[in-house]
């Protein structure tokens, strides 16, 4: 329990101050796990008012730390337009990133998205994904 509280404090500090150094003091895996769990809680409205925007914020935090589940969840939110504007380019980008990280569902999601997009949109999404990966998932939005 103390570890979860510590990780939550580290996450809150890094989110509110914009300092990424705070995350380095905690276990990165635990930080991502907690962020994804928080995203799930807000997405489903478990014990809190359902808030897709807040869910997207937590998923983005974990996705930017390389968490594949969060990357897929964020891609789905962009596809549907829940908590973020509907944006096929960003949905494809996050599916592509999660695919590179080995997620088989993301490969299917990327393929599905490609059928709904123009070649120019796909090229834009691929370029964004390359930049995102090159920058260690920072500044991907």
N, C-alpha and C. Protein backbone atom coordinates (compact mmCIF):
# COMPACT_ATOMS: atom_id res chain seq x y z
N UNK A 1 0.82 -1.19 0.00
CA UNK A 1 0.00 0.00 0.00
C UNK A 1 0.86 1.26 0.00
N UNK A 2 1.94 1.25 0.80
CA UNK A 2 2.82 2.42 0.84
C UNK A 2 3.45 2.69 -0.52
N UNK A 3 3.78 1.60 -1.22
CA UNK A 3 4.40 1.75 -2.53
C UNK A 3 3.43 2.41 -3.51
N UNK A 4 2.17 2.00 -3.49
CA UNK A 4 1.17 2.59 -4.37
C UNK A 4 0.99 4.07 -4.05
N UNK A 5 0.94 4.41 -2.77
CA UNK A 5 0.80 5.80 -2.37
C UNK A 5 2.02 6.60 -2.84
N UNK A 6 3.21 6.04 -2.67
CA UNK A 6 4.43 6.71 -3.11
C UNK A 6 4.40 6.93 -4.62
N UNK A 7 4.04 5.89 -5.36
CA UNK A 7 4.00 6.00 -6.82
C UNK A 7 2.97 7.04 -7.24
N UNK A 8 1.82 7.06 -6.58
CA UNK A 8 0.80 8.07 -6.91
C UNK A 8 1.33 9.48 -6.64
N UNK A 9 2.03 9.66 -5.53
CA UNK A 9 2.61 10.97 -5.24
C UNK A 9 3.64 11.37 -6.29
N UNK A 10 4.46 10.44 -6.69
CA UNK A 10 5.46 10.72 -7.73
C UNK A 10 4.77 11.10 -9.04
N UNK A 11 3.72 10.35 -9.39
CA UNK A 11 2.97 10.66 -10.61
C UNK A 11 2.35 12.04 -10.54
N UNK A 12 1.70 12.33 -9.44
CA UNK A 12 1.06 13.64 -9.30
C UNK A 12 2.07 14.76 -9.35
N UNK A 13 3.20 14.58 -8.71
CA UNK A 13 4.24 15.60 -8.73
C UNK A 13 4.74 15.82 -10.14
N UNK A 14 4.99 14.75 -10.86
CA UNK A 14 5.51 14.89 -12.22
C UNK A 14 4.47 15.49 -13.15
N UNK A 15 3.19 15.19 -12.92
CA UNK A 15 2.13 15.72 -13.79
C UNK A 15 1.85 17.18 -13.49
N UNK A 16 1.88 17.56 -12.23
CA UNK A 16 1.53 18.93 -11.88
C UNK A 16 2.68 19.90 -12.07
N UNK A 17 3.91 19.43 -11.90
CA UNK A 17 5.05 20.33 -12.04
C UNK A 17 5.68 20.25 -13.40
N UNK A 18 5.36 19.21 -14.15
CA UNK A 18 5.97 19.02 -15.46
C UNK A 18 7.39 18.48 -15.37
N UNK A 19 7.83 18.13 -14.18
CA UNK A 19 9.19 17.59 -14.01
C UNK A 19 9.19 16.10 -14.22
N UNK A 20 9.91 15.65 -15.22
CA UNK A 20 9.99 14.22 -15.48
C UNK A 20 10.99 13.55 -14.54
N UNK A 21 11.83 14.33 -13.84
CA UNK A 21 12.80 13.74 -12.92
C UNK A 21 12.11 12.99 -11.80
N UNK A 22 10.90 13.38 -11.46
CA UNK A 22 10.20 12.76 -10.34
C UNK A 22 9.93 11.29 -10.60
N UNK A 23 9.64 10.95 -11.84
CA UNK A 23 9.34 9.56 -12.18
C UNK A 23 10.56 8.67 -11.96
N UNK A 24 11.76 9.21 -12.14
CA UNK A 24 12.95 8.39 -12.01
C UNK A 24 13.17 7.92 -10.57
N UNK A 25 12.53 8.55 -9.60
CA UNK A 25 12.68 8.14 -8.21
C UNK A 25 11.82 6.93 -7.87
N UNK A 26 10.83 6.64 -8.69
CA UNK A 26 9.96 5.48 -8.44
C UNK A 26 10.29 4.36 -9.39
N UNK A 27 9.69 3.25 -9.16
CA UNK A 27 9.84 2.12 -10.05
C UNK A 27 9.01 2.41 -11.30
N UNK A 28 9.67 2.54 -12.45
CA UNK A 28 8.98 2.95 -13.68
C UNK A 28 7.85 2.00 -14.04
N UNK A 29 8.05 0.71 -13.87
CA UNK A 29 6.99 -0.25 -14.16
C UNK A 29 5.78 -0.01 -13.28
N UNK A 30 6.03 0.21 -12.00
CA UNK A 30 4.92 0.44 -11.06
C UNK A 30 4.20 1.74 -11.40
N UNK A 31 4.95 2.75 -11.79
CA UNK A 31 4.35 4.03 -12.17
C UNK A 31 3.42 3.81 -13.36
N UNK A 32 3.89 3.11 -14.37
CA UNK A 32 3.06 2.85 -15.55
C UNK A 32 1.83 2.03 -15.19
N UNK A 33 2.03 1.03 -14.37
CA UNK A 33 0.92 0.16 -13.96
C UNK A 33 -0.15 0.97 -13.24
N UNK A 34 0.26 1.83 -12.34
CA UNK A 34 -0.69 2.66 -11.60
C UNK A 34 -1.39 3.63 -12.55
N UNK A 35 -0.65 4.22 -13.48
CA UNK A 35 -1.25 5.15 -14.43
C UNK A 35 -2.30 4.46 -15.30
N UNK A 36 -1.99 3.26 -15.76
CA UNK A 36 -2.96 2.51 -16.57
C UNK A 36 -4.18 2.16 -15.72
N UNK A 37 -3.96 1.74 -14.49
CA UNK A 37 -5.09 1.42 -13.60
C UNK A 37 -5.96 2.65 -13.36
N UNK A 38 -5.34 3.80 -13.16
CA UNK A 38 -6.10 5.04 -12.97
C UNK A 38 -6.90 5.35 -14.23
N UNK A 39 -6.27 5.16 -15.39
CA UNK A 39 -6.99 5.36 -16.64
C UNK A 39 -8.19 4.45 -16.75
N UNK A 40 -8.01 3.19 -16.39
CA UNK A 40 -9.10 2.23 -16.42
C UNK A 40 -10.24 2.64 -15.48
N UNK A 41 -9.87 3.11 -14.30
CA UNK A 41 -10.87 3.53 -13.31
C UNK A 41 -11.73 4.66 -13.87
N UNK A 42 -11.08 5.66 -14.45
CA UNK A 42 -11.84 6.79 -15.00
C UNK A 42 -12.59 6.40 -16.27
N UNK A 43 -12.00 5.53 -17.08
CA UNK A 43 -12.67 5.11 -18.30
C UNK A 43 -13.97 4.36 -17.98
N UNK A 44 -13.90 3.48 -16.99
CA UNK A 44 -15.06 2.66 -16.63
C UNK A 44 -15.97 3.31 -15.60
N UNK A 45 -15.47 4.36 -14.93
CA UNK A 45 -16.26 5.00 -13.88
C UNK A 45 -16.37 4.13 -12.64
N UNK A 46 -15.28 3.49 -12.26
CA UNK A 46 -15.28 2.60 -11.10
C UNK A 46 -14.96 3.40 -9.83
N UNK A 47 -16.01 3.73 -9.08
CA UNK A 47 -15.82 4.47 -7.84
C UNK A 47 -15.62 5.97 -8.05
N UNK A 48 -15.63 6.39 -9.29
CA UNK A 48 -15.53 7.81 -9.64
C UNK A 48 -16.51 8.08 -10.77
N UNK A 49 -16.76 9.34 -11.02
CA UNK A 49 -17.60 9.69 -12.16
C UNK A 49 -16.82 9.35 -13.43
N UNK A 50 -17.46 8.66 -14.35
CA UNK A 50 -16.80 8.29 -15.60
C UNK A 50 -16.33 9.55 -16.30
N UNK A 51 -15.05 9.57 -16.67
CA UNK A 51 -14.45 10.77 -17.26
C UNK A 51 -13.42 10.33 -18.30
N UNK A 52 -13.83 10.32 -19.57
CA UNK A 52 -12.94 9.88 -20.64
C UNK A 52 -11.73 10.79 -20.81
N UNK A 53 -11.92 12.07 -20.58
CA UNK A 53 -10.81 13.01 -20.70
C UNK A 53 -9.73 12.71 -19.66
N UNK A 54 -10.16 12.43 -18.45
CA UNK A 54 -9.22 12.08 -17.38
C UNK A 54 -8.57 10.73 -17.66
N UNK A 55 -9.34 9.79 -18.18
CA UNK A 55 -8.78 8.48 -18.56
C UNK A 55 -7.69 8.67 -19.61
N UNK A 56 -7.96 9.50 -20.60
CA UNK A 56 -6.98 9.75 -21.66
C UNK A 56 -5.71 10.37 -21.09
N UNK A 57 -5.87 11.25 -20.11
CA UNK A 57 -4.70 11.88 -19.49
C UNK A 57 -3.82 10.84 -18.80
N UNK A 58 -4.42 9.92 -18.08
CA UNK A 58 -3.65 8.86 -17.41
C UNK A 58 -3.03 7.89 -18.41
N UNK A 59 -3.81 7.52 -19.43
CA UNK A 59 -3.26 6.62 -20.45
C UNK A 59 -2.08 7.28 -21.17
N UNK A 60 -2.23 8.58 -21.46
CA UNK A 60 -1.14 9.28 -22.14
C UNK A 60 0.13 9.28 -21.30
N UNK A 61 -0.02 9.49 -20.01
CA UNK A 61 1.13 9.48 -19.10
C UNK A 61 1.88 8.14 -19.21
N UNK A 62 1.12 7.05 -19.16
CA UNK A 62 1.75 5.72 -19.26
C UNK A 62 2.25 5.45 -20.67
N UNK A 63 1.50 5.87 -21.69
CA UNK A 63 1.91 5.65 -23.08
C UNK A 63 3.24 6.35 -23.36
N UNK A 64 3.40 7.53 -22.82
CA UNK A 64 4.64 8.29 -23.02
C UNK A 64 5.82 7.69 -22.25
N UNK A 65 5.53 6.76 -21.36
CA UNK A 65 6.59 6.02 -20.66
C UNK A 65 6.83 4.67 -21.33
N UNK A 66 6.12 4.41 -22.45
CA UNK A 66 6.34 3.18 -23.20
C UNK A 66 5.40 2.04 -22.88
N UNK A 67 4.35 2.29 -22.11
CA UNK A 67 3.43 1.22 -21.74
C UNK A 67 2.53 0.87 -22.93
N UNK A 68 2.63 -0.37 -23.41
CA UNK A 68 1.93 -0.81 -24.61
C UNK A 68 0.41 -0.81 -24.41
N UNK A 69 -0.06 -1.27 -23.27
CA UNK A 69 -1.51 -1.29 -23.03
C UNK A 69 -2.07 0.13 -23.10
N UNK A 70 -1.37 1.06 -22.51
CA UNK A 70 -1.82 2.46 -22.53
C UNK A 70 -1.80 3.01 -23.95
N UNK A 71 -0.80 2.61 -24.73
CA UNK A 71 -0.71 3.06 -26.12
C UNK A 71 -1.91 2.57 -26.93
N UNK A 72 -2.28 1.31 -26.72
CA UNK A 72 -3.45 0.75 -27.42
C UNK A 72 -4.73 1.44 -26.94
N UNK A 73 -4.85 1.64 -25.64
CA UNK A 73 -6.05 2.30 -25.10
C UNK A 73 -6.19 3.71 -25.66
N UNK A 74 -5.09 4.42 -25.72
CA UNK A 74 -5.11 5.79 -26.25
C UNK A 74 -5.46 5.78 -27.74
N UNK A 75 -4.93 4.82 -28.48
CA UNK A 75 -5.27 4.69 -29.91
C UNK A 75 -6.77 4.48 -30.08
N UNK A 76 -7.34 3.60 -29.27
CA UNK A 76 -8.78 3.36 -29.35
C UNK A 76 -9.58 4.61 -29.01
N UNK A 77 -9.11 5.37 -28.05
CA UNK A 77 -9.82 6.60 -27.68
C UNK A 77 -9.79 7.61 -28.83
N UNK A 78 -8.66 7.71 -29.52
CA UNK A 78 -8.59 8.60 -30.68
C UNK A 78 -9.49 8.09 -31.81
N UNK A 79 -9.57 6.79 -31.98
CA UNK A 79 -10.42 6.23 -33.03
C UNK A 79 -11.89 6.56 -32.76
N UNK A 80 -12.32 6.39 -31.51
CA UNK A 80 -13.72 6.59 -31.15
C UNK A 80 -14.02 8.07 -30.87
N UNK A 81 -13.02 8.79 -30.39
CA UNK A 81 -13.24 10.19 -30.01
C UNK A 81 -13.73 10.33 -28.58
N UNK A 82 -13.25 9.45 -27.71
CA UNK A 82 -13.63 9.51 -26.30
C UNK A 82 -12.51 10.17 -25.50
N UNK A 83 -12.81 11.33 -24.92
CA UNK A 83 -11.84 12.02 -24.08
C UNK A 83 -10.81 12.81 -24.86
N UNK A 84 -10.75 12.57 -26.13
CA UNK A 84 -9.87 13.28 -27.06
C UNK A 84 -10.66 13.48 -28.35
N UNK A 85 -10.26 14.44 -29.16
CA UNK A 85 -10.97 14.58 -30.45
C UNK A 85 -10.77 13.33 -31.31
N UNK A 86 -11.80 12.95 -32.07
CA UNK A 86 -11.65 11.83 -32.99
C UNK A 86 -10.56 12.20 -33.99
N UNK A 87 -9.56 11.33 -34.10
CA UNK A 87 -8.40 11.64 -34.93
C UNK A 87 -7.78 10.33 -35.40
N UNK A 88 -8.06 9.98 -36.64
CA UNK A 88 -7.55 8.72 -37.19
C UNK A 88 -6.04 8.72 -37.31
N UNK A 89 -5.45 9.88 -37.57
CA UNK A 89 -3.99 9.94 -37.70
C UNK A 89 -3.32 9.60 -36.37
N UNK A 90 -3.81 10.18 -35.27
CA UNK A 90 -3.21 9.86 -33.96
C UNK A 90 -3.58 8.44 -33.51
N UNK A 91 -4.75 7.98 -33.88
CA UNK A 91 -5.11 6.59 -33.56
C UNK A 91 -4.14 5.64 -34.26
N UNK A 92 -3.91 5.87 -35.55
CA UNK A 92 -2.98 5.03 -36.31
C UNK A 92 -1.58 5.13 -35.72
N UNK A 93 -1.17 6.36 -35.37
CA UNK A 93 0.16 6.56 -34.79
C UNK A 93 0.35 5.71 -33.54
N UNK A 94 -0.61 5.76 -32.60
CA UNK A 94 -0.47 4.99 -31.35
C UNK A 94 -0.58 3.49 -31.61
N UNK A 95 -1.46 3.07 -32.53
CA UNK A 95 -1.50 1.65 -32.89
C UNK A 95 -0.16 1.22 -33.48
N UNK A 96 0.42 2.06 -34.32
CA UNK A 96 1.70 1.75 -34.94
C UNK A 96 2.80 1.62 -33.88
N UNK A 97 2.84 2.53 -32.95
CA UNK A 97 3.85 2.49 -31.88
C UNK A 97 3.68 1.23 -31.04
N UNK A 98 2.44 0.92 -30.66
CA UNK A 98 2.20 -0.29 -29.88
C UNK A 98 2.54 -1.54 -30.68
N UNK A 99 2.33 -1.50 -32.00
CA UNK A 99 2.70 -2.62 -32.87
C UNK A 99 4.20 -2.85 -32.85
N UNK A 100 4.94 -1.77 -32.95
CA UNK A 100 6.41 -1.85 -32.91
C UNK A 100 6.85 -2.44 -31.57
N UNK A 101 6.08 -2.16 -30.53
CA UNK A 101 6.39 -2.67 -29.19
C UNK A 101 5.84 -4.08 -28.96
N UNK A 102 5.30 -4.71 -30.02
CA UNK A 102 4.95 -6.12 -29.94
C UNK A 102 3.51 -6.48 -29.64
N UNK A 103 2.61 -5.51 -29.61
CA UNK A 103 1.22 -5.82 -29.29
C UNK A 103 0.48 -6.31 -30.54
N UNK A 104 -0.02 -7.53 -30.49
CA UNK A 104 -0.68 -8.13 -31.66
C UNK A 104 -2.03 -7.47 -31.96
N UNK A 105 -2.76 -7.05 -30.93
CA UNK A 105 -4.03 -6.35 -31.16
C UNK A 105 -3.78 -5.01 -31.84
N UNK A 106 -2.67 -4.38 -31.51
CA UNK A 106 -2.34 -3.09 -32.13
C UNK A 106 -2.08 -3.26 -33.63
N UNK A 107 -1.50 -4.39 -34.00
CA UNK A 107 -1.27 -4.66 -35.43
C UNK A 107 -2.61 -4.71 -36.16
N UNK A 108 -3.57 -5.39 -35.54
CA UNK A 108 -4.91 -5.46 -36.14
C UNK A 108 -5.56 -4.08 -36.18
N UNK A 109 -5.40 -3.32 -35.10
CA UNK A 109 -5.97 -1.97 -35.04
C UNK A 109 -5.38 -1.06 -36.11
N UNK A 110 -4.08 -1.15 -36.30
CA UNK A 110 -3.41 -0.33 -37.32
C UNK A 110 -3.92 -0.71 -38.71
N UNK A 111 -4.07 -1.99 -38.95
CA UNK A 111 -4.57 -2.46 -40.25
C UNK A 111 -6.00 -1.98 -40.48
N UNK A 112 -6.82 -2.07 -39.45
CA UNK A 112 -8.21 -1.60 -39.52
C UNK A 112 -8.26 -0.11 -39.81
N UNK A 113 -7.43 0.67 -39.10
CA UNK A 113 -7.40 2.12 -39.29
C UNK A 113 -6.97 2.48 -40.71
N UNK A 114 -6.00 1.75 -41.23
CA UNK A 114 -5.46 2.03 -42.56
C UNK A 114 -6.54 1.97 -43.64
N UNK A 115 -7.52 1.11 -43.43
CA UNK A 115 -8.61 0.97 -44.41
C UNK A 115 -9.53 2.19 -44.42
N UNK A 116 -9.49 2.98 -43.37
CA UNK A 116 -10.35 4.15 -43.25
C UNK A 116 -9.63 5.45 -43.59
N UNK A 117 -8.36 5.34 -43.98
CA UNK A 117 -7.53 6.54 -44.16
C UNK A 117 -7.00 6.64 -45.59
N UNK A 118 -6.69 7.87 -45.98
CA UNK A 118 -6.04 8.08 -47.26
C UNK A 118 -4.55 7.75 -47.13
N UNK A 119 -3.89 7.59 -48.25
CA UNK A 119 -2.45 7.32 -48.23
C UNK A 119 -1.71 8.45 -47.54
N UNK A 120 -2.11 9.70 -47.80
CA UNK A 120 -1.47 10.86 -47.17
C UNK A 120 -1.64 10.82 -45.65
N UNK A 121 -2.82 10.47 -45.17
CA UNK A 121 -3.06 10.37 -43.73
C UNK A 121 -2.18 9.29 -43.11
N UNK A 122 -2.07 8.15 -43.79
CA UNK A 122 -1.23 7.06 -43.28
C UNK A 122 0.22 7.50 -43.22
N UNK A 123 0.69 8.17 -44.26
CA UNK A 123 2.07 8.66 -44.27
C UNK A 123 2.30 9.65 -43.13
N UNK A 124 1.33 10.54 -42.88
CA UNK A 124 1.45 11.48 -41.76
C UNK A 124 1.51 10.74 -40.43
N UNK A 125 0.66 9.74 -40.27
CA UNK A 125 0.65 8.96 -39.03
C UNK A 125 1.97 8.22 -38.83
N UNK A 126 2.51 7.67 -39.90
CA UNK A 126 3.78 6.95 -39.80
C UNK A 126 4.92 7.89 -39.44
N UNK A 127 4.91 9.09 -40.00
CA UNK A 127 5.95 10.08 -39.67
C UNK A 127 5.84 10.49 -38.21
N UNK A 128 4.62 10.73 -37.73
CA UNK A 128 4.43 11.07 -36.32
C UNK A 128 4.92 9.94 -35.41
N UNK A 129 4.64 8.70 -35.80
CA UNK A 129 5.08 7.55 -35.01
C UNK A 129 6.60 7.48 -34.96
N UNK A 130 7.25 7.70 -36.11
CA UNK A 130 8.72 7.68 -36.14
C UNK A 130 9.30 8.75 -35.21
N UNK A 131 8.74 9.95 -35.29
CA UNK A 131 9.23 11.05 -34.43
C UNK A 131 8.98 10.73 -32.96
N UNK A 132 7.83 10.19 -32.68
CA UNK A 132 7.47 9.84 -31.30
C UNK A 132 8.45 8.81 -30.73
N UNK A 133 8.71 7.77 -31.50
CA UNK A 133 9.63 6.72 -31.05
C UNK A 133 11.04 7.28 -30.89
N UNK A 134 11.48 8.08 -31.86
CA UNK A 134 12.81 8.68 -31.81
C UNK A 134 12.99 9.55 -30.57
N UNK A 135 11.92 10.23 -30.18
CA UNK A 135 11.96 11.12 -29.01
C UNK A 135 11.55 10.42 -27.72
N UNK A 136 11.63 9.09 -27.70
CA UNK A 136 11.25 8.31 -26.51
C UNK A 136 9.84 8.62 -26.02
N UNK A 137 8.91 8.73 -26.96
CA UNK A 137 7.48 8.93 -26.70
C UNK A 137 7.15 10.30 -26.13
N UNK A 138 8.06 11.24 -26.18
CA UNK A 138 7.79 12.60 -25.68
C UNK A 138 7.34 13.47 -26.84
N UNK A 139 6.38 14.34 -26.58
CA UNK A 139 5.90 15.27 -27.60
C UNK A 139 5.17 14.59 -28.74
N UNK A 140 4.46 13.53 -28.44
CA UNK A 140 3.78 12.75 -29.48
C UNK A 140 2.43 13.34 -29.87
N UNK A 141 1.93 14.24 -29.12
CA UNK A 141 0.58 14.78 -29.40
C UNK A 141 0.63 16.01 -30.23
